[in-house]
Amino acid sequence: STNYADSVKGRFTISRDNAKNTLY
């Protein structure tokens, strides 16, 4: 699940790849 600051909602996307141990 994700949550964003109001200032970046609709422009930024957070995602994670658990297989690669990487956050984007």
PDB file of all heavy atoms in Angstrom:
ATOM      1  N   SER A   1       0.859  -1.182   0.000  1.00  0.00           N
ATOM      2  CA  SER A   1       0.000   0.000   0.000  1.00  0.00           C
ATOM      3  C   SER A   1       0.895   1.232   0.000  1.00  0.00           C
ATOM      4  O   SER A   1       2.040   1.189   0.467  1.00  0.00           O
ATOM      5  CB  SER A   1      -0.932   0.003   1.199  1.00  0.00           C
ATOM      6  OG  SER A   1      -0.194   0.059   2.399  1.00  0.00           O
ATOM      7  N   THR A   2       0.377   2.331  -0.538  1.00  0.00           N
ATOM      8  CA  THR A   2       1.195   3.534  -0.693  1.00  0.00           C
ATOM      9  C   THR A   2       0.462   4.762  -0.189  1.00  0.00           C
ATOM     10  O   THR A   2      -0.766   4.790  -0.100  1.00  0.00           O
ATOM     11  CB  THR A   2       1.572   3.744  -2.168  1.00  0.00           C
ATOM     12  OG1 THR A   2       0.379   3.868  -2.946  1.00  0.00           O
ATOM     13  CG2 THR A   2       2.400   2.585  -2.701  1.00  0.00           C
ATOM     14  N   ASN A   3       1.245   5.782   0.108  1.00  0.00           N
ATOM     15  CA  ASN A   3       0.679   7.058   0.497  1.00  0.00           C
ATOM     16  C   ASN A   3       1.640   8.146   0.058  1.00  0.00           C
ATOM     17  O   ASN A   3       2.858   7.914  -0.020  1.00  0.00           O
ATOM     18  CB  ASN A   3       0.467   7.126   2.009  1.00  0.00           C
ATOM     19  CG  ASN A   3      -0.602   8.130   2.391  1.00  0.00           C
ATOM     20  OD1 ASN A   3      -1.175   8.795   1.525  1.00  0.00           O
ATOM     21  ND2 ASN A   3      -0.876   8.261   3.673  1.00  0.00           N
ATOM     22  N   TYR A   4       1.110   9.330  -0.236  1.00  0.00           N
ATOM     23  CA  TYR A   4       1.909  10.412  -0.796  1.00  0.00           C
ATOM     24  C   TYR A   4       1.647  11.734  -0.095  1.00  0.00           C
ATOM     25  O   TYR A   4       0.537  11.990   0.397  1.00  0.00           O
ATOM     26  CB  TYR A   4       1.578  10.580  -2.285  1.00  0.00           C
ATOM     27  CG  TYR A   4       1.881   9.379  -3.127  1.00  0.00           C
ATOM     28  CD1 TYR A   4       0.936   8.387  -3.330  1.00  0.00           C
ATOM     29  CD2 TYR A   4       3.145   9.230  -3.718  1.00  0.00           C
ATOM     30  CE1 TYR A   4       1.230   7.275  -4.103  1.00  0.00           C
ATOM     31  CE2 TYR A   4       3.440   8.119  -4.488  1.00  0.00           C
ATOM     32  CZ  TYR A   4       2.482   7.151  -4.671  1.00  0.00           C
ATOM     33  OH  TYR A   4       2.772   6.048  -5.433  1.00  0.00           O
ATOM     34  N   ALA A   5       2.655  12.573  -0.107  1.00  0.00           N
ATOM     35  CA  ALA A   5       2.458  13.948   0.308  1.00  0.00           C
ATOM     36  C   ALA A   5       1.543  14.624  -0.707  1.00  0.00           C
ATOM     37  O   ALA A   5       1.585  14.317  -1.898  1.00  0.00           O
ATOM     38  CB  ALA A   5       3.795  14.676   0.380  1.00  0.00           C
ATOM     39  N   ASP A   6       0.730  15.547  -0.231  1.00  0.00           N
ATOM     40  CA  ASP A   6      -0.204  16.224  -1.127  1.00  0.00           C
ATOM     41  C   ASP A   6       0.520  16.917  -2.284  1.00  0.00           C
ATOM     42  O   ASP A   6       0.011  16.982  -3.401  1.00  0.00           O
ATOM     43  CB  ASP A   6      -1.021  17.257  -0.348  1.00  0.00           C
ATOM     44  CG  ASP A   6      -2.051  16.616   0.566  1.00  0.00           C
ATOM     45  OD1 ASP A   6      -2.367  15.422   0.375  1.00  0.00           O
ATOM     46  OD2 ASP A   6      -2.528  17.301   1.487  1.00  0.00           O
ATOM     47  N   SER A   7       1.711  17.402  -2.017  1.00  0.00           N
ATOM     48  CA  SER A   7       2.440  18.175  -3.021  1.00  0.00           C
ATOM     49  C   SER A   7       2.900  17.333  -4.215  1.00  0.00           C
ATOM     50  O   SER A   7       3.253  17.881  -5.256  1.00  0.00           O
ATOM     51  CB  SER A   7       3.651  18.850  -2.385  1.00  0.00           C
ATOM     52  OG  SER A   7       4.507  17.891  -1.799  1.00  0.00           O
ATOM     53  N   VAL A   8       2.913  16.006  -4.063  1.00  0.00           N
ATOM     54  CA  VAL A   8       3.402  15.157  -5.154  1.00  0.00           C
ATOM     55  C   VAL A   8       2.332  14.196  -5.685  1.00  0.00           C
ATOM     56  O   VAL A   8       2.586  13.472  -6.653  1.00  0.00           O
ATOM     57  CB  VAL A   8       4.660  14.358  -4.733  1.00  0.00           C
ATOM     58  CG1 VAL A   8       5.725  15.290  -4.181  1.00  0.00           C
ATOM     59  CG2 VAL A   8       4.313  13.264  -3.742  1.00  0.00           C
ATOM     60  N   LYS A   9       1.156  14.201  -5.079  1.00  0.00           N
ATOM     61  CA  LYS A   9       0.094  13.288  -5.527  1.00  0.00           C
ATOM     62  C   LYS A   9      -0.237  13.525  -6.989  1.00  0.00           C
ATOM     63  O   LYS A   9      -0.369  14.655  -7.434  1.00  0.00           O
ATOM     64  CB  LYS A   9      -1.163  13.487  -4.680  1.00  0.00           C
ATOM     65  CG  LYS A   9      -1.127  12.776  -3.349  1.00  0.00           C
ATOM     66  CD  LYS A   9      -2.422  12.996  -2.570  1.00  0.00           C
ATOM     67  CE  LYS A   9      -2.360  12.313  -1.221  1.00  0.00           C
ATOM     68  NZ  LYS A   9      -3.571  12.583  -0.410  1.00  0.00           N
ATOM     69  N   GLY A  10      -0.346  12.418  -7.727  1.00  0.00           N
ATOM     70  CA  GLY A  10      -0.657  12.516  -9.150  1.00  0.00           C
ATOM     71  C   GLY A  10       0.556  12.727 -10.033  1.00  0.00           C
ATOM     72  O   GLY A  10       0.454  12.619 -11.256  1.00  0.00           O
ATOM     73  N   ARG A  11       1.707  13.027  -9.431  1.00  0.00           N
ATOM     74  CA  ARG A  11       2.937  13.232 -10.217  1.00  0.00           C
ATOM     75  C   ARG A  11       4.010  12.194  -9.910  1.00  0.00           C
ATOM     76  O   ARG A  11       4.767  11.809 -10.806  1.00  0.00           O
ATOM     77  CB  ARG A  11       3.503  14.629  -9.942  1.00  0.00           C
ATOM     78  CG  ARG A  11       2.574  15.760 -10.292  1.00  0.00           C
ATOM     79  CD  ARG A  11       3.276  17.115 -10.183  1.00  0.00           C
ATOM     80  NE  ARG A  11       3.740  17.382  -8.816  1.00  0.00           N
ATOM     81  CZ  ARG A  11       5.009  17.624  -8.513  1.00  0.00           C
ATOM     82  NH1 ARG A  11       5.945  17.616  -9.444  1.00  0.00           N
ATOM     83  NH2 ARG A  11       5.353  17.898  -7.253  1.00  0.00           N
ATOM     84  N   PHE A  12       4.087  11.767  -8.662  1.00  0.00           N
ATOM     85  CA  PHE A  12       5.105  10.807  -8.232  1.00  0.00           C
ATOM     86  C   PHE A  12       4.464   9.453  -7.965  1.00  0.00           C
ATOM     87  O   PHE A  12       3.320   9.370  -7.499  1.00  0.00           O
ATOM     88  CB  PHE A  12       5.783  11.271  -6.945  1.00  0.00           C
ATOM     89  CG  PHE A  12       6.678  12.479  -7.089  1.00  0.00           C
ATOM     90  CD1 PHE A  12       6.694  13.247  -8.237  1.00  0.00           C
ATOM     91  CD2 PHE A  12       7.516  12.843  -6.053  1.00  0.00           C
ATOM     92  CE1 PHE A  12       7.521  14.352  -8.357  1.00  0.00           C
ATOM     93  CE2 PHE A  12       8.350  13.940  -6.149  1.00  0.00           C
ATOM     94  CZ  PHE A  12       8.351  14.701  -7.307  1.00  0.00           C
ATOM     95  N   THR A  13       5.229   8.397  -8.241  1.00  0.00           N
ATOM     96  CA  THR A  13       4.771   7.038  -7.957  1.00  0.00           C
ATOM     97  C   THR A  13       5.883   6.272  -7.254  1.00  0.00           C
ATOM     98  O   THR A  13       7.005   6.180  -7.790  1.00  0.00           O
ATOM     99  CB  THR A  13       4.378   6.299  -9.239  1.00  0.00           C
ATOM    100  OG1 THR A  13       3.341   7.028  -9.913  1.00  0.00           O
ATOM    101  CG2 THR A  13       3.866   4.903  -8.920  1.00  0.00           C
ATOM    102  N   ILE A  14       5.574   5.731  -6.096  1.00  0.00           N
ATOM    103  CA  ILE A  14       6.529   4.892  -5.372  1.00  0.00           C
ATOM    104  C   ILE A  14       6.206   3.434  -5.668  1.00  0.00           C
ATOM    105  O   ILE A  14       5.037   3.050  -5.754  1.00  0.00           O
ATOM    106  CB  ILE A  14       6.486   5.174  -3.848  1.00  0.00           C
ATOM    107  CG1 ILE A  14       7.625   4.455  -3.134  1.00  0.00           C
ATOM    108  CG2 ILE A  14       5.135   4.815  -3.255  1.00  0.00           C
ATOM    109  CD1 ILE A  14       7.761   4.856  -1.660  1.00  0.00           C
ATOM    110  N   SER A  15       7.239   2.640  -5.856  1.00  0.00           N
ATOM    111  CA  SER A  15       7.032   1.217  -6.102  1.00  0.00           C
ATOM    112  C   SER A  15       8.227   0.452  -5.539  1.00  0.00           C
ATOM    113  O   SER A  15       9.287   1.017  -5.288  1.00  0.00           O
ATOM    114  CB  SER A  15       6.861   0.923  -7.595  1.00  0.00           C
ATOM    115  OG  SER A  15       8.011   1.307  -8.317  1.00  0.00           O
ATOM    116  N   ARG A  16       8.020  -0.847  -5.360  1.00  0.00           N
ATOM    117  CA  ARG A  16       9.089  -1.671  -4.805  1.00  0.00           C
ATOM    118  C   ARG A  16       9.149  -2.999  -5.540  1.00  0.00           C
ATOM    119  O   ARG A  16       8.114  -3.527  -5.964  1.00  0.00           O
ATOM    120  CB  ARG A  16       8.882  -1.891  -3.317  1.00  0.00           C
ATOM    121  CG  ARG A  16       7.589  -2.572  -2.932  1.00  0.00           C
ATOM    122  CD  ARG A  16       7.309  -2.445  -1.432  1.00  0.00           C
ATOM    123  NE  ARG A  16       8.330  -3.130  -0.637  1.00  0.00           N
ATOM    124  CZ  ARG A  16       8.528  -2.921   0.666  1.00  0.00           C
ATOM    125  NH1 ARG A  16       7.785  -2.035   1.308  1.00  0.00           N
ATOM    126  NH2 ARG A  16       9.450  -3.591   1.321  1.00  0.00           N
ATOM    127  N   ASP A  17      10.362  -3.491  -5.717  1.00  0.00           N
ATOM    128  CA  ASP A  17      10.602  -4.793  -6.321  1.00  0.00           C
ATOM    129  C   ASP A  17      11.286  -5.651  -5.258  1.00  0.00           C
ATOM    130  O   ASP A  17      12.499  -5.534  -5.047  1.00  0.00           O
ATOM    131  CB  ASP A  17      11.472  -4.649  -7.571  1.00  0.00           C
ATOM    132  CG  ASP A  17      11.629  -5.954  -8.331  1.00  0.00           C
ATOM    133  OD1 ASP A  17      11.509  -7.029  -7.708  1.00  0.00           O
ATOM    134  OD2 ASP A  17      11.892  -5.902  -9.535  1.00  0.00           O
ATOM    135  N   ASN A  18      10.516  -6.493  -4.600  1.00  0.00           N
ATOM    136  CA  ASN A  18      11.075  -7.294  -3.513  1.00  0.00           C
ATOM    137  C   ASN A  18      12.095  -8.315  -4.006  1.00  0.00           C
ATOM    138  O   ASN A  18      12.997  -8.698  -3.262  1.00  0.00           O
ATOM    139  CB  ASN A  18       9.958  -7.997  -2.744  1.00  0.00           C
ATOM    140  CG  ASN A  18       9.143  -7.037  -1.892  1.00  0.00           C
ATOM    141  OD1 ASN A  18       9.609  -5.950  -1.540  1.00  0.00           O
ATOM    142  ND2 ASN A  18       7.928  -7.415  -1.568  1.00  0.00           N
ATOM    143  N   ALA A  19      11.968  -8.753  -5.242  1.00  0.00           N
ATOM    144  CA  ALA A  19      12.933  -9.710  -5.789  1.00  0.00           C
ATOM    145  C   ALA A  19      14.307  -9.075  -5.981  1.00  0.00           C
ATOM    146  O   ALA A  19      15.336  -9.740  -5.884  1.00  0.00           O
ATOM    147  CB  ALA A  19      12.423 -10.276  -7.104  1.00  0.00           C
ATOM    148  N   LYS A  20      14.312  -7.770  -6.249  1.00  0.00           N
ATOM    149  CA  LYS A  20      15.570  -7.047  -6.471  1.00  0.00           C
ATOM    150  C   LYS A  20      15.974  -6.215  -5.262  1.00  0.00           C
ATOM    151  O   LYS A  20      16.990  -5.522  -5.314  1.00  0.00           O
ATOM    152  CB  LYS A  20      15.442  -6.131  -7.695  1.00  0.00           C
ATOM    153  CG  LYS A  20      15.226  -6.871  -8.999  1.00  0.00           C
ATOM    154  CD  LYS A  20      15.153  -5.895 -10.165  1.00  0.00           C
ATOM    155  CE  LYS A  20      14.973  -6.641 -11.477  1.00  0.00           C
ATOM    156  NZ  LYS A  20      14.890  -5.702 -12.636  1.00  0.00           N
ATOM    157  N   ASN A  21      15.175  -6.282  -4.197  1.00  0.00           N
ATOM    158  CA  ASN A  21      15.460  -5.470  -2.998  1.00  0.00           C
ATOM    159  C   ASN A  21      15.630  -3.996  -3.356  1.00  0.00           C
ATOM    160  O   ASN A  21      16.559  -3.320  -2.867  1.00  0.00           O
ATOM    161  CB  ASN A  21      16.716  -5.981  -2.287  1.00  0.00           C
ATOM    162  CG  ASN A  21      16.553  -7.368  -1.731  1.00  0.00           C
ATOM    163  OD1 ASN A  21      15.442  -7.775  -1.365  1.00  0.00           O
ATOM    164  ND2 ASN A  21      17.631  -8.115  -1.685  1.00  0.00           N
ATOM    165  N   THR A  22      14.761  -3.500  -4.197  1.00  0.00           N
ATOM    166  CA  THR A  22      14.918  -2.139  -4.706  1.00  0.00           C
ATOM    167  C   THR A  22      13.610  -1.367  -4.610  1.00  0.00           C
ATOM    168  O   THR A  22      12.543  -1.886  -4.917  1.00  0.00           O
ATOM    169  CB  THR A  22      15.401  -2.151  -6.169  1.00  0.00           C
ATOM    170  OG1 THR A  22      16.636  -2.864  -6.239  1.00  0.00           O
ATOM    171  CG2 THR A  22      15.626  -0.733  -6.673  1.00  0.00           C
ATOM    172  N   LEU A  23      13.749  -0.117  -4.186  1.00  0.00           N
ATOM    173  CA  LEU A  23      12.642   0.820  -4.097  1.00  0.00           C
ATOM    174  C   LEU A  23      12.816   1.864  -5.193  1.00  0.00           C
ATOM    175  O   LEU A  23      13.947   2.257  -5.495  1.00  0.00           O
ATOM    176  CB  LEU A  23      12.656   1.516  -2.732  1.00  0.00           C
ATOM    177  CG  LEU A  23      11.568   2.543  -2.459  1.00  0.00           C
ATOM    178  CD1 LEU A  23      10.237   1.845  -2.207  1.00  0.00           C
ATOM    179  CD2 LEU A  23      11.954   3.412  -1.271  1.00  0.00           C
ATOM    180  N   TYR A  24      11.705   2.295  -5.771  1.00  0.00           N
ATOM    181  CA  TYR A  24      11.756   3.290  -6.839  1.00  0.00           C
ATOM    182  C   TYR A  24      10.870   4.482  -6.503  1.00  0.00           C
ATOM    183  O   TYR A  24       9.907   4.379  -5.747  1.00  0.00           O
ATOM    184  CB  TYR A  24      11.283   2.685  -8.161  1.00  0.00           C
ATOM    185  CG  TYR A  24      12.060   1.478  -8.609  1.00  0.00           C
ATOM    186  CD1 TYR A  24      11.579   0.194  -8.398  1.00  0.00           C
ATOM    187  CD2 TYR A  24      13.291   1.627  -9.242  1.00  0.00           C
ATOM    188  CE1 TYR A  24      12.297  -0.916  -8.804  1.00  0.00           C
ATOM    189  CE2 TYR A  24      14.020   0.526  -9.656  1.00  0.00           C
ATOM    190  CZ  TYR A  24      13.516  -0.738  -9.430  1.00  0.00           C
ATOM    191  OH  TYR A  24      14.234  -1.840  -9.835  1.00  0.00           O
TER     192      TYR A  24
END
